[in-house]
């Protein structure tokens, strides 16, 4: 798909530049329509390629600690140059204390562009789109992960990037399916310009590949807020990746109706004697942390 699309785009560029002969205004309008169609197809093909790489675990990313303030500023500047109508609706706020995030800058810019442009598409003229960046800690985690004894594993740190709009919002039914591929609400005005409806699906896949996660809240007629949580540093990214691997392993064991054993491994150099829990099958040792016993942490 990509090779013939590239050839078509090059030929259209030559024609539009007048190198193949002069164009009438009517011909130029038709040509612009074809160029937009080719660009849309190219975006869809790129989306499929990204999605295939993510699902195969073959997506190449160059993650490092990047200045989030600079990343967001660059995004706003590019929008002002390339999509001034979107930039005119956008307000950017970066909270004090936000410094860096452990990300692939190009991939996260791709995610944020998708979210901001989506928000602007469904926000009427005169209404605002807010891009907000704030720090976050373990309170941002899902309930299943908040119980993890981070006192033993290192305290995680996150950056939360919010895209909030004053647009048309989504119904509860649309919100329940918003990350699904190809799903539409049947509203033609809402579906316009969305290509294969892969944008949010790919965006979430890219965020997941960063060991981050995405949340969406919306009310019909009131607007939508999308939150993207990203690891602040490499240590948090490694921790989240390992916890997710453990969660996935437990999920598969449960689906297979197999017994699950969870081991809490302590440094033997700091073992202490303590009371065995009632019914414990054999002798054990505890690792105290912050005044709590190992059994309480388990």
C-alpha atoms as a PDB file:
ATOM      1  CA  UNK A   1       0.000   0.000   0.000  1.00  0.00           C
ATOM      2  CA  UNK A   2       2.696   2.446   0.990  1.00  0.00           C
ATOM      3  CA  UNK A   3       4.735   2.294  -2.251  1.00  0.00           C
ATOM      4  CA  UNK A   4       1.901   3.116  -4.684  1.00  0.00           C
ATOM      5  CA  UNK A   5       0.627   5.801  -2.308  1.00  0.00           C
ATOM      6  CA  UNK A   6       4.069   7.418  -2.281  1.00  0.00           C
ATOM      7  CA  UNK A   7       4.142   7.388  -6.080  1.00  0.00           C
ATOM      8  CA  UNK A   8       0.674   8.928  -6.241  1.00  0.00           C
ATOM      9  CA  UNK A   9       1.616  11.633  -3.737  1.00  0.00           C
ATOM     10  CA  UNK A  10       4.760  12.520  -5.714  1.00  0.00           C
ATOM     11  CA  UNK A  11       2.857  12.712  -8.997  1.00  0.00           C
ATOM     12  CA  UNK A  12       0.164  14.885  -7.429  1.00  0.00           C
ATOM     13  CA  UNK A  13       2.817  17.215  -6.028  1.00  0.00           C
ATOM     14  CA  UNK A  14       4.343  17.667  -9.483  1.00  0.00           C
ATOM     15  CA  UNK A  15       0.936  18.381 -11.034  1.00  0.00           C
ATOM     16  CA  UNK A  16      -0.076  20.802  -8.276  1.00  0.00           C
ATOM     17  CA  UNK A  17       3.201  22.712  -8.701  1.00  0.00           C
ATOM     18  CA  UNK A  18       2.314  23.288 -12.374  1.00  0.00           C
ATOM     19  CA  UNK A  19       5.307  21.345 -13.689  1.00  0.00           C
ATOM     20  CA  UNK A  20       3.009  19.203 -15.873  1.00  0.00           C
ATOM     21  CA  UNK A  21       1.202  22.210 -17.314  1.00  0.00           C
ATOM     22  CA  UNK A  22      -1.106  24.987 -16.123  1.00  0.00           C
ATOM     23  CA  UNK A  23      -4.212  24.133 -14.108  1.00  0.00           C
ATOM     24  CA  UNK A  24      -7.619  25.743 -14.129  1.00  0.00           C
ATOM     25  CA  UNK A  25      -9.218  26.622 -10.793  1.00  0.00           C
ATOM     26  CA  UNK A  26     -11.759  23.829 -11.252  1.00  0.00           C
ATOM     27  CA  UNK A  27      -8.987  21.280 -11.911  1.00  0.00           C
ATOM     28  CA  UNK A  28      -7.073  22.515  -8.855  1.00  0.00           C
ATOM     29  CA  UNK A  29     -10.125  21.945  -6.621  1.00  0.00           C
ATOM     30  CA  UNK A  30     -10.468  18.367  -7.863  1.00  0.00           C
ATOM     31  CA  UNK A  31      -6.731  17.852  -7.416  1.00  0.00           C
ATOM     32  CA  UNK A  32      -6.861  19.085  -3.818  1.00  0.00           C
ATOM     33  CA  UNK A  33      -9.644  16.578  -3.114  1.00  0.00           C
ATOM     34  CA  UNK A  34      -7.503  13.729  -4.477  1.00  0.00           C
ATOM     35  CA  UNK A  35      -4.454  14.883  -2.471  1.00  0.00           C
ATOM     36  CA  UNK A  36      -6.485  14.893   0.740  1.00  0.00           C
ATOM     37  CA  UNK A  37      -7.707  11.386  -0.038  1.00  0.00           C
ATOM     38  CA  UNK A  38      -4.160  10.136  -0.621  1.00  0.00           C
ATOM     39  CA  UNK A  39      -3.002  11.757   2.637  1.00  0.00           C
ATOM     40  CA  UNK A  40      -5.852  10.129   4.527  1.00  0.00           C
ATOM     41  CA  UNK A  41      -5.020   6.709   3.077  1.00  0.00           C
ATOM     42  CA  UNK A  42      -1.357   7.182   3.981  1.00  0.00           C
ATOM     43  CA  UNK A  43      -2.310   7.970   7.594  1.00  0.00           C
ATOM     44  CA  UNK A  44      -4.509   4.874   7.743  1.00  0.00           C
ATOM     45  CA  UNK A  45      -1.690   2.678   6.363  1.00  0.00           C
ATOM     46  CA  UNK A  46       0.780   4.153   8.866  1.00  0.00           C
ATOM     47  CA  UNK A  47      -1.752   3.473  11.611  1.00  0.00           C
ATOM     48  CA  UNK A  48      -2.080  -0.178  10.619  1.00  0.00           C
ATOM     49  CA  UNK A  49       1.705  -0.531  10.510  1.00  0.00           C
ATOM     50  CA  UNK A  50       2.076   1.012  13.977  1.00  0.00           C
ATOM     51  CA  UNK A  51      -0.711  -1.168  15.338  1.00  0.00           C
ATOM     52  CA  UNK A  52       0.824  -4.309  13.873  1.00  0.00           C
ATOM     53  CA  UNK A  53       4.214  -3.497  15.372  1.00  0.00           C
ATOM     54  CA  UNK A  54       2.704  -2.791  18.797  1.00  0.00           C
ATOM     55  CA  UNK A  55       0.736  -6.040  18.833  1.00  0.00           C
ATOM     56  CA  UNK A  56       3.802  -7.994  17.694  1.00  0.00           C
ATOM     57  CA  UNK A  57       5.981  -6.326  20.310  1.00  0.00           C
ATOM     58  CA  UNK A  58       8.194  -5.051  17.468  1.00  0.00           C
ATOM     59  CA  UNK A  59       7.547  -1.327  17.724  1.00  0.00           C
ATOM     60  CA  UNK A  60      10.879   0.449  17.948  1.00  0.00           C
ATOM     61  CA  UNK A  61      10.965   3.190  20.535  1.00  0.00           C
ATOM     62  CA  UNK A  62      13.797   5.373  21.717  1.00  0.00           C
ATOM     63  CA  UNK A  63      12.821   6.200  25.287  1.00  0.00           C
ATOM     64  CA  UNK A  64      14.749   8.665  27.383  1.00  0.00           C
ATOM     65  CA  UNK A  65      14.036  11.352  29.951  1.00  0.00           C
ATOM     66  CA  UNK A  66      12.602  14.287  27.998  1.00  0.00           C
ATOM     67  CA  UNK A  67      11.665  17.756  29.219  1.00  0.00           C
ATOM     68  CA  UNK A  68       7.848  17.659  29.180  1.00  0.00           C
ATOM     69  CA  UNK A  69       7.536  21.445  29.132  1.00  0.00           C
ATOM     70  CA  UNK A  70       9.688  21.630  25.987  1.00  0.00           C
ATOM     71  CA  UNK A  71       7.799  18.745  24.380  1.00  0.00           C
ATOM     72  CA  UNK A  72       4.432  20.450  24.892  1.00  0.00           C
ATOM     73  CA  UNK A  73       5.784  23.821  23.752  1.00  0.00           C
ATOM     74  CA  UNK A  74       7.099  22.276  20.533  1.00  0.00           C
ATOM     75  CA  UNK A  75       3.708  20.664  19.928  1.00  0.00           C
ATOM     76  CA  UNK A  76       1.892  24.001  20.345  1.00  0.00           C
ATOM     77  CA  UNK A  77       4.376  25.750  18.038  1.00  0.00           C
ATOM     78  CA  UNK A  78       3.964  23.124  15.315  1.00  0.00           C
ATOM     79  CA  UNK A  79       0.180  23.401  15.524  1.00  0.00           C
ATOM     80  CA  UNK A  80       0.397  27.181  15.189  1.00  0.00           C
ATOM     81  CA  UNK A  81       2.351  26.732  11.952  1.00  0.00           C
ATOM     82  CA  UNK A  82       0.514  23.782  10.399  1.00  0.00           C
ATOM     83  CA  UNK A  83      -3.004  23.896  11.885  1.00  0.00           C
ATOM     84  CA  UNK A  84      -3.686  27.478  13.026  1.00  0.00           C
ATOM     85  CA  UNK A  85      -7.405  26.841  13.473  1.00  0.00           C
ATOM     86  CA  UNK A  86      -6.635  24.121  16.048  1.00  0.00           C
ATOM     87  CA  UNK A  87      -3.952  26.248  17.708  1.00  0.00           C
ATOM     88  CA  UNK A  88      -6.419  29.135  18.086  1.00  0.00           C
ATOM     89  CA  UNK A  89      -8.623  26.959  20.310  1.00  0.00           C
ATOM     90  CA  UNK A  90      -5.762  25.523  22.370  1.00  0.00           C
ATOM     91  CA  UNK A  91      -4.635  26.670  25.811  1.00  0.00           C
ATOM     92  CA  UNK A  92      -1.536  25.072  27.376  1.00  0.00           C
ATOM     93  CA  UNK A  93      -0.817  24.866  31.118  1.00  0.00           C
ATOM     94  CA  UNK A  94       2.192  23.148  32.705  1.00  0.00           C
ATOM     95  CA  UNK A  95       2.124  22.864  36.503  1.00  0.00           C
ATOM     96  CA  UNK A  96       5.060  23.754  38.700  1.00  0.00           C
ATOM     97  CA  UNK A  97       7.091  20.681  39.598  1.00  0.00           C
ATOM     98  CA  UNK A  98       6.708  18.956  36.235  1.00  0.00           C
ATOM     99  CA  UNK A  99      10.116  18.318  34.755  1.00  0.00           C
ATOM    100  CA  UNK A 100      10.669  15.201  32.678  1.00  0.00           C
ATOM    101  CA  UNK A 101       9.065  11.957  31.514  1.00  0.00           C
ATOM    102  CA  UNK A 102      10.629   8.706  30.300  1.00  0.00           C
ATOM    103  CA  UNK A 103       9.194   8.566  26.771  1.00  0.00           C
ATOM    104  CA  UNK A 104       9.838   8.340  23.069  1.00  0.00           C
ATOM    105  CA  UNK A 105       9.264  12.002  22.229  1.00  0.00           C
ATOM    106  CA  UNK A 106       8.097  11.377  18.646  1.00  0.00           C
ATOM    107  CA  UNK A 107       5.578   8.690  19.640  1.00  0.00           C
ATOM    108  CA  UNK A 108       4.124  10.706  22.502  1.00  0.00           C
ATOM    109  CA  UNK A 109       3.875  13.765  20.241  1.00  0.00           C
ATOM    110  CA  UNK A 110       1.932  11.540  17.833  1.00  0.00           C
ATOM    111  CA  UNK A 111      -0.446  10.575  20.664  1.00  0.00           C
ATOM    112  CA  UNK A 112      -0.955  14.161  21.831  1.00  0.00           C
ATOM    113  CA  UNK A 113      -1.524  15.445  18.286  1.00  0.00           C
ATOM    114  CA  UNK A 114      -4.236  12.837  17.843  1.00  0.00           C
ATOM    115  CA  UNK A 115      -5.928  13.804  21.112  1.00  0.00           C
ATOM    116  CA  UNK A 116      -5.724  17.565  20.546  1.00  0.00           C
ATOM    117  CA  UNK A 117      -6.954  17.370  16.948  1.00  0.00           C
ATOM    118  CA  UNK A 118      -9.802  15.044  17.985  1.00  0.00           C
ATOM    119  CA  UNK A 119     -10.805  17.466  20.715  1.00  0.00           C
ATOM    120  CA  UNK A 120     -10.733  20.432  18.319  1.00  0.00           C
ATOM    121  CA  UNK A 121     -12.742  18.537  15.695  1.00  0.00           C
ATOM    122  CA  UNK A 122     -15.640  18.054  18.089  1.00  0.00           C
ATOM    123  CA  UNK A 123     -15.405  21.450  19.823  1.00  0.00           C
ATOM    124  CA  UNK A 124     -17.504  24.306  18.364  1.00  0.00           C
ATOM    125  CA  UNK A 125     -15.908  27.607  17.418  1.00  0.00           C
ATOM    126  CA  UNK A 126     -15.491  29.871  20.420  1.00  0.00           C
ATOM    127  CA  UNK A 127     -15.025  26.952  22.821  1.00  0.00           C
ATOM    128  CA  UNK A 128     -11.673  25.958  24.286  1.00  0.00           C
ATOM    129  CA  UNK A 129      -9.384  22.935  24.244  1.00  0.00           C
ATOM    130  CA  UNK A 130      -7.058  22.691  27.256  1.00  0.00           C
ATOM    131  CA  UNK A 131      -3.725  20.849  27.251  1.00  0.00           C
ATOM    132  CA  UNK A 132      -2.669  20.505  30.885  1.00  0.00           C
ATOM    133  CA  UNK A 133       0.395  18.799  32.389  1.00  0.00           C
ATOM    134  CA  UNK A 134       0.576  17.917  36.111  1.00  0.00           C
ATOM    135  CA  UNK A 135       2.713  15.584  38.266  1.00  0.00           C
ATOM    136  CA  UNK A 136       1.189  12.411  39.743  1.00  0.00           C
ATOM    137  CA  UNK A 137       2.142   9.683  42.194  1.00  0.00           C
ATOM    138  CA  UNK A 138       0.850   6.277  43.245  1.00  0.00           C
ATOM    139  CA  UNK A 139      -2.645   7.744  43.766  1.00  0.00           C
ATOM    140  CA  UNK A 140      -2.989   7.729  39.967  1.00  0.00           C
ATOM    141  CA  UNK A 141      -2.719   3.936  39.799  1.00  0.00           C
ATOM    142  CA  UNK A 142      -5.683   1.606  39.465  1.00  0.00           C
ATOM    143  CA  UNK A 143      -6.951   0.090  42.713  1.00  0.00           C
ATOM    144  CA  UNK A 144      -5.342  -3.284  41.958  1.00  0.00           C
ATOM    145  CA  UNK A 145      -1.876  -1.714  41.900  1.00  0.00           C
ATOM    146  CA  UNK A 146      -2.234   0.685  44.822  1.00  0.00           C
ATOM    147  CA  UNK A 147      -1.825  -2.192  47.275  1.00  0.00           C
ATOM    148  CA  UNK A 148       1.648  -3.025  45.961  1.00  0.00           C
ATOM    149  CA  UNK A 149       4.269  -2.443  48.706  1.00  0.00           C
ATOM    150  CA  UNK A 150       6.110   0.369  46.942  1.00  0.00           C
ATOM    151  CA  UNK A 151       8.047   0.933  50.161  1.00  0.00           C
ATOM    152  CA  UNK A 152      10.030  -2.147  49.104  1.00  0.00           C
ATOM    153  CA  UNK A 153      10.035  -1.580  45.350  1.00  0.00           C
ATOM    154  CA  UNK A 154      10.690   2.197  44.981  1.00  0.00           C
ATOM    155  CA  UNK A 155       8.069   4.934  44.912  1.00  0.00           C
ATOM    156  CA  UNK A 156       6.686   5.454  41.390  1.00  0.00           C
ATOM    157  CA  UNK A 157       6.389   8.861  39.771  1.00  0.00           C
ATOM    158  CA  UNK A 158       4.228   9.858  36.813  1.00  0.00           C
ATOM    159  CA  UNK A 159       3.402  12.766  34.557  1.00  0.00           C
ATOM    160  CA  UNK A 160      -0.286  13.254  33.742  1.00  0.00           C
ATOM    161  CA  UNK A 161      -1.100  15.007  30.446  1.00  0.00           C
ATOM    162  CA  UNK A 162      -4.749  16.016  30.142  1.00  0.00           C
ATOM    163  CA  UNK A 163      -6.608  17.097  27.021  1.00  0.00           C
ATOM    164  CA  UNK A 164      -9.919  18.653  28.040  1.00  0.00           C
ATOM    165  CA  UNK A 165     -12.452  20.145  25.642  1.00  0.00           C
ATOM    166  CA  UNK A 166     -15.806  21.932  25.755  1.00  0.00           C
ATOM    167  CA  UNK A 167     -17.141  19.968  22.815  1.00  0.00           C
ATOM    168  CA  UNK A 168     -20.100  17.762  22.054  1.00  0.00           C
ATOM    169  CA  UNK A 169     -19.033  14.965  24.405  1.00  0.00           C
ATOM    170  CA  UNK A 170     -19.987  11.316  24.124  1.00  0.00           C
ATOM    171  CA  UNK A 171     -22.856   9.176  25.309  1.00  0.00           C
ATOM    172  CA  UNK A 172     -22.212   6.412  27.813  1.00  0.00           C
ATOM    173  CA  UNK A 173     -22.569   3.819  25.044  1.00  0.00           C
ATOM    174  CA  UNK A 174     -20.050   5.557  22.774  1.00  0.00           C
ATOM    175  CA  UNK A 175     -17.643   5.966  25.689  1.00  0.00           C
ATOM    176  CA  UNK A 176     -17.792   2.232  26.449  1.00  0.00           C
ATOM    177  CA  UNK A 177     -16.511   1.436  22.935  1.00  0.00           C
ATOM    178  CA  UNK A 178     -14.247   4.428  22.323  1.00  0.00           C
ATOM    179  CA  UNK A 179     -11.000   2.422  22.173  1.00  0.00           C
ATOM    180  CA  UNK A 180     -12.342  -0.272  19.850  1.00  0.00           C
ATOM    181  CA  UNK A 181     -11.128  -0.458  16.270  1.00  0.00           C
ATOM    182  CA  UNK A 182     -13.579   0.700  13.575  1.00  0.00           C
ATOM    183  CA  UNK A 183     -16.337   1.505  16.082  1.00  0.00           C
ATOM    184  CA  UNK A 184     -18.564   4.471  15.251  1.00  0.00           C
ATOM    185  CA  UNK A 185     -21.666   5.864  16.906  1.00  0.00           C
ATOM    186  CA  UNK A 186     -23.553   6.091  13.638  1.00  0.00           C
ATOM    187  CA  UNK A 187     -23.470   9.892  13.783  1.00  0.00           C
ATOM    188  CA  UNK A 188     -22.114  10.990  10.389  1.00  0.00           C
ATOM    189  CA  UNK A 189     -20.952  14.372  11.644  1.00  0.00           C
ATOM    190  CA  UNK A 190     -19.066  12.647  14.436  1.00  0.00           C
ATOM    191  CA  UNK A 191     -17.576  10.071  12.087  1.00  0.00           C
ATOM    192  CA  UNK A 192     -16.366  12.590   9.504  1.00  0.00           C
ATOM    193  CA  UNK A 193     -12.638  12.647   8.997  1.00  0.00           C
ATOM    194  CA  UNK A 194     -11.809   9.786  11.318  1.00  0.00           C
ATOM    195  CA  UNK A 195     -10.411   7.487   8.613  1.00  0.00           C
ATOM    196  CA  UNK A 196     -10.618   3.897   9.818  1.00  0.00           C
ATOM    197  CA  UNK A 197     -11.425   4.984  13.384  1.00  0.00           C
ATOM    198  CA  UNK A 198      -8.071   3.746  14.604  1.00  0.00           C
ATOM    199  CA  UNK A 199      -6.808   6.958  16.201  1.00  0.00           C
ATOM    200  CA  UNK A 200      -7.672   6.332  19.854  1.00  0.00           C
ATOM    201  CA  UNK A 201      -6.995   2.615  19.550  1.00  0.00           C
ATOM    202  CA  UNK A 202      -3.459   3.306  18.284  1.00  0.00           C
ATOM    203  CA  UNK A 203      -2.922   6.135  20.783  1.00  0.00           C
ATOM    204  CA  UNK A 204      -3.733   3.845  23.702  1.00  0.00           C
ATOM    205  CA  UNK A 205      -1.500   1.109  22.266  1.00  0.00           C
ATOM    206  CA  UNK A 206       1.410   3.570  22.065  1.00  0.00           C
ATOM    207  CA  UNK A 207       0.796   4.751  25.634  1.00  0.00           C
ATOM    208  CA  UNK A 208       0.636   1.135  26.833  1.00  0.00           C
ATOM    209  CA  UNK A 209       3.962   0.486  25.107  1.00  0.00           C
ATOM    210  CA  UNK A 210       5.425   3.225  27.343  1.00  0.00           C
ATOM    211  CA  UNK A 211       4.184   1.345  30.446  1.00  0.00           C
ATOM    212  CA  UNK A 212       1.631   4.153  30.781  1.00  0.00           C
ATOM    213  CA  UNK A 213      -2.147   4.190  30.556  1.00  0.00           C
ATOM    214  CA  UNK A 214      -5.024   6.334  29.324  1.00  0.00           C
ATOM    215  CA  UNK A 215      -8.387   7.285  30.828  1.00  0.00           C
ATOM    216  CA  UNK A 216     -11.355   9.059  29.232  1.00  0.00           C
ATOM    217  CA  UNK A 217     -14.295  10.800  30.903  1.00  0.00           C
ATOM    218  CA  UNK A 218     -17.082  12.379  28.875  1.00  0.00           C
ATOM    219  CA  UNK A 219     -20.618  13.676  29.188  1.00  0.00           C
ATOM    220  CA  UNK A 220     -22.842  14.198  26.176  1.00  0.00           C
ATOM    221  CA  UNK A 221     -23.138  17.895  25.402  1.00  0.00           C
ATOM    222  CA  UNK A 222     -20.580  18.910  28.037  1.00  0.00           C
ATOM    223  CA  UNK A 223     -17.182  17.822  26.712  1.00  0.00           C
ATOM    224  CA  UNK A 224     -14.489  15.187  27.104  1.00  0.00           C
ATOM    225  CA  UNK A 225     -11.336  14.821  29.198  1.00  0.00           C
ATOM    226  CA  UNK A 226      -8.563  12.407  28.234  1.00  0.00           C
ATOM    227  CA  UNK A 227      -5.784  11.676  30.725  1.00  0.00           C
ATOM    228  CA  UNK A 228      -2.468  10.140  29.677  1.00  0.00           C
ATOM    229  CA  UNK A 229      -0.230   8.865  32.505  1.00  0.00           C
ATOM    230  CA  UNK A 230       3.432   8.339  31.664  1.00  0.00           C
ATOM    231  CA  UNK A 231       6.396   7.154  33.778  1.00  0.00           C
ATOM    232  CA  UNK A 232       8.528   9.987  35.088  1.00  0.00           C
ATOM    233  CA  UNK A 233      11.758   7.983  34.952  1.00  0.00           C
ATOM    234  CA  UNK A 234      13.263   4.695  33.796  1.00  0.00           C
ATOM    235  CA  UNK A 235      12.890   3.069  37.224  1.00  0.00           C
ATOM    236  CA  UNK A 236       9.123   3.663  37.237  1.00  0.00           C
ATOM    237  CA  UNK A 237       8.827   2.369  33.661  1.00  0.00           C
ATOM    238  CA  UNK A 238      10.668  -0.869  34.583  1.00  0.00           C
ATOM    239  CA  UNK A 239       8.561  -1.323  37.715  1.00  0.00           C
ATOM    240  CA  UNK A 240       5.275  -0.850  35.850  1.00  0.00           C
ATOM    241  CA  UNK A 241       6.347  -3.221  33.069  1.00  0.00           C
ATOM    242  CA  UNK A 242       7.141  -5.958  35.591  1.00  0.00           C
ATOM    243  CA  UNK A 243       3.923  -5.458  37.527  1.00  0.00           C
ATOM    244  CA  UNK A 244       1.934  -5.684  34.302  1.00  0.00           C
ATOM    245  CA  UNK A 245       3.717  -8.898  33.361  1.00  0.00           C
ATOM    246  CA  UNK A 246       2.781 -10.319  36.754  1.00  0.00           C
ATOM    247  CA  UNK A 247      -0.844  -9.213  36.328  1.00  0.00           C
ATOM    248  CA  UNK A 248      -1.004 -10.816  32.896  1.00  0.00           C
ATOM    249  CA  UNK A 249       0.468 -14.064  34.215  1.00  0.00           C
ATOM    250  CA  UNK A 250      -2.118 -14.223  37.010  1.00  0.00           C
ATOM    251  CA  UNK A 251      -4.925 -13.411  34.561  1.00  0.00           C
ATOM    252  CA  UNK A 252      -3.884 -16.269  32.279  1.00  0.00           C
ATOM    253  CA  UNK A 253      -3.618 -18.709  35.169  1.00  0.00           C
ATOM    254  CA  UNK A 254      -7.079 -17.778  36.360  1.00  0.00           C
ATOM    255  CA  UNK A 255      -8.505 -18.145  32.859  1.00  0.00           C
ATOM    256  CA  UNK A 256      -6.941 -21.613  32.691  1.00  0.00           C
ATOM    257  CA  UNK A 257      -8.402 -22.412  36.154  1.00  0.00           C
ATOM    258  CA  UNK A 258      -4.956 -23.112  37.568  1.00  0.00           C
ATOM    259  CA  UNK A 259      -3.722 -22.441  41.067  1.00  0.00           C
ATOM    260  CA  UNK A 260      -1.734 -19.235  41.426  1.00  0.00           C
ATOM    261  CA  UNK A 261       1.230 -18.853  43.757  1.00  0.00           C
ATOM    262  CA  UNK A 262       2.503 -15.377  44.591  1.00  0.00           C
ATOM    263  CA  UNK A 263       5.947 -15.109  46.194  1.00  0.00           C
ATOM    264  CA  UNK A 264       7.236 -12.143  48.176  1.00  0.00           C
ATOM    265  CA  UNK A 265      11.016 -12.476  48.177  1.00  0.00           C
ATOM    266  CA  UNK A 266      12.960 -10.639  50.869  1.00  0.00           C
ATOM    267  CA  UNK A 267      16.651  -9.917  51.188  1.00  0.00           C
ATOM    268  CA  UNK A 268      17.983 -12.698  53.488  1.00  0.00           C
ATOM    269  CA  UNK A 269      20.443 -10.220  54.949  1.00  0.00           C
ATOM    270  CA  UNK A 270      17.655  -8.427  56.853  1.00  0.00           C
ATOM    271  CA  UNK A 271      15.556 -11.377  58.007  1.00  0.00           C
ATOM    272  CA  UNK A 272      14.004 -11.232  61.447  1.00  0.00           C
ATOM    273  CA  UNK A 273      12.174 -13.765  63.576  1.00  0.00           C
ATOM    274  CA  UNK A 274       8.432 -13.280  63.738  1.00  0.00           C
ATOM    275  CA  UNK A 275       5.166 -15.048  64.353  1.00  0.00           C
ATOM    276  CA  UNK A 276       4.021 -17.422  61.611  1.00  0.00           C
ATOM    277  CA  UNK A 277       0.569 -16.706  60.150  1.00  0.00           C
ATOM    278  CA  UNK A 278      -2.035 -19.252  61.174  1.00  0.00           C
ATOM    279  CA  UNK A 279      -2.147 -22.123  58.713  1.00  0.00           C
ATOM    280  CA  UNK A 280       1.137 -21.228  57.021  1.00  0.00           C
ATOM    281  CA  UNK A 281       2.491 -24.476  55.481  1.00  0.00           C
ATOM    282  CA  UNK A 282       6.140 -24.193  56.564  1.00  0.00           C
ATOM    283  CA  UNK A 283       8.580 -21.963  58.354  1.00  0.00           C
ATOM    284  CA  UNK A 284       8.939 -18.495  56.927  1.00  0.00           C
ATOM    285  CA  UNK A 285      10.707 -15.219  57.578  1.00  0.00           C
ATOM    286  CA  UNK A 286       9.475 -11.644  57.400  1.00  0.00           C
ATOM    287  CA  UNK A 287      10.882  -8.512  55.889  1.00  0.00           C
ATOM    288  CA  UNK A 288       9.842  -5.465  57.946  1.00  0.00           C
ATOM    289  CA  UNK A 289       9.406  -2.122  56.190  1.00  0.00           C
ATOM    290  CA  UNK A 290       8.339   1.208  57.615  1.00  0.00           C
ATOM    291  CA  UNK A 291       7.255  -0.382  60.891  1.00  0.00           C
ATOM    292  CA  UNK A 292       4.851  -2.838  59.237  1.00  0.00           C
ATOM    293  CA  UNK A 293       5.355  -6.574  59.223  1.00  0.00           C
ATOM    294  CA  UNK A 294       5.790  -8.637  56.081  1.00  0.00           C
ATOM    295  CA  UNK A 295       2.463 -10.363  56.664  1.00  0.00           C
ATOM    296  CA  UNK A 296       0.660  -7.003  56.748  1.00  0.00           C
ATOM    297  CA  UNK A 297       2.295  -6.026  53.460  1.00  0.00           C
ATOM    298  CA  UNK A 298       1.255  -9.330  51.885  1.00  0.00           C
END
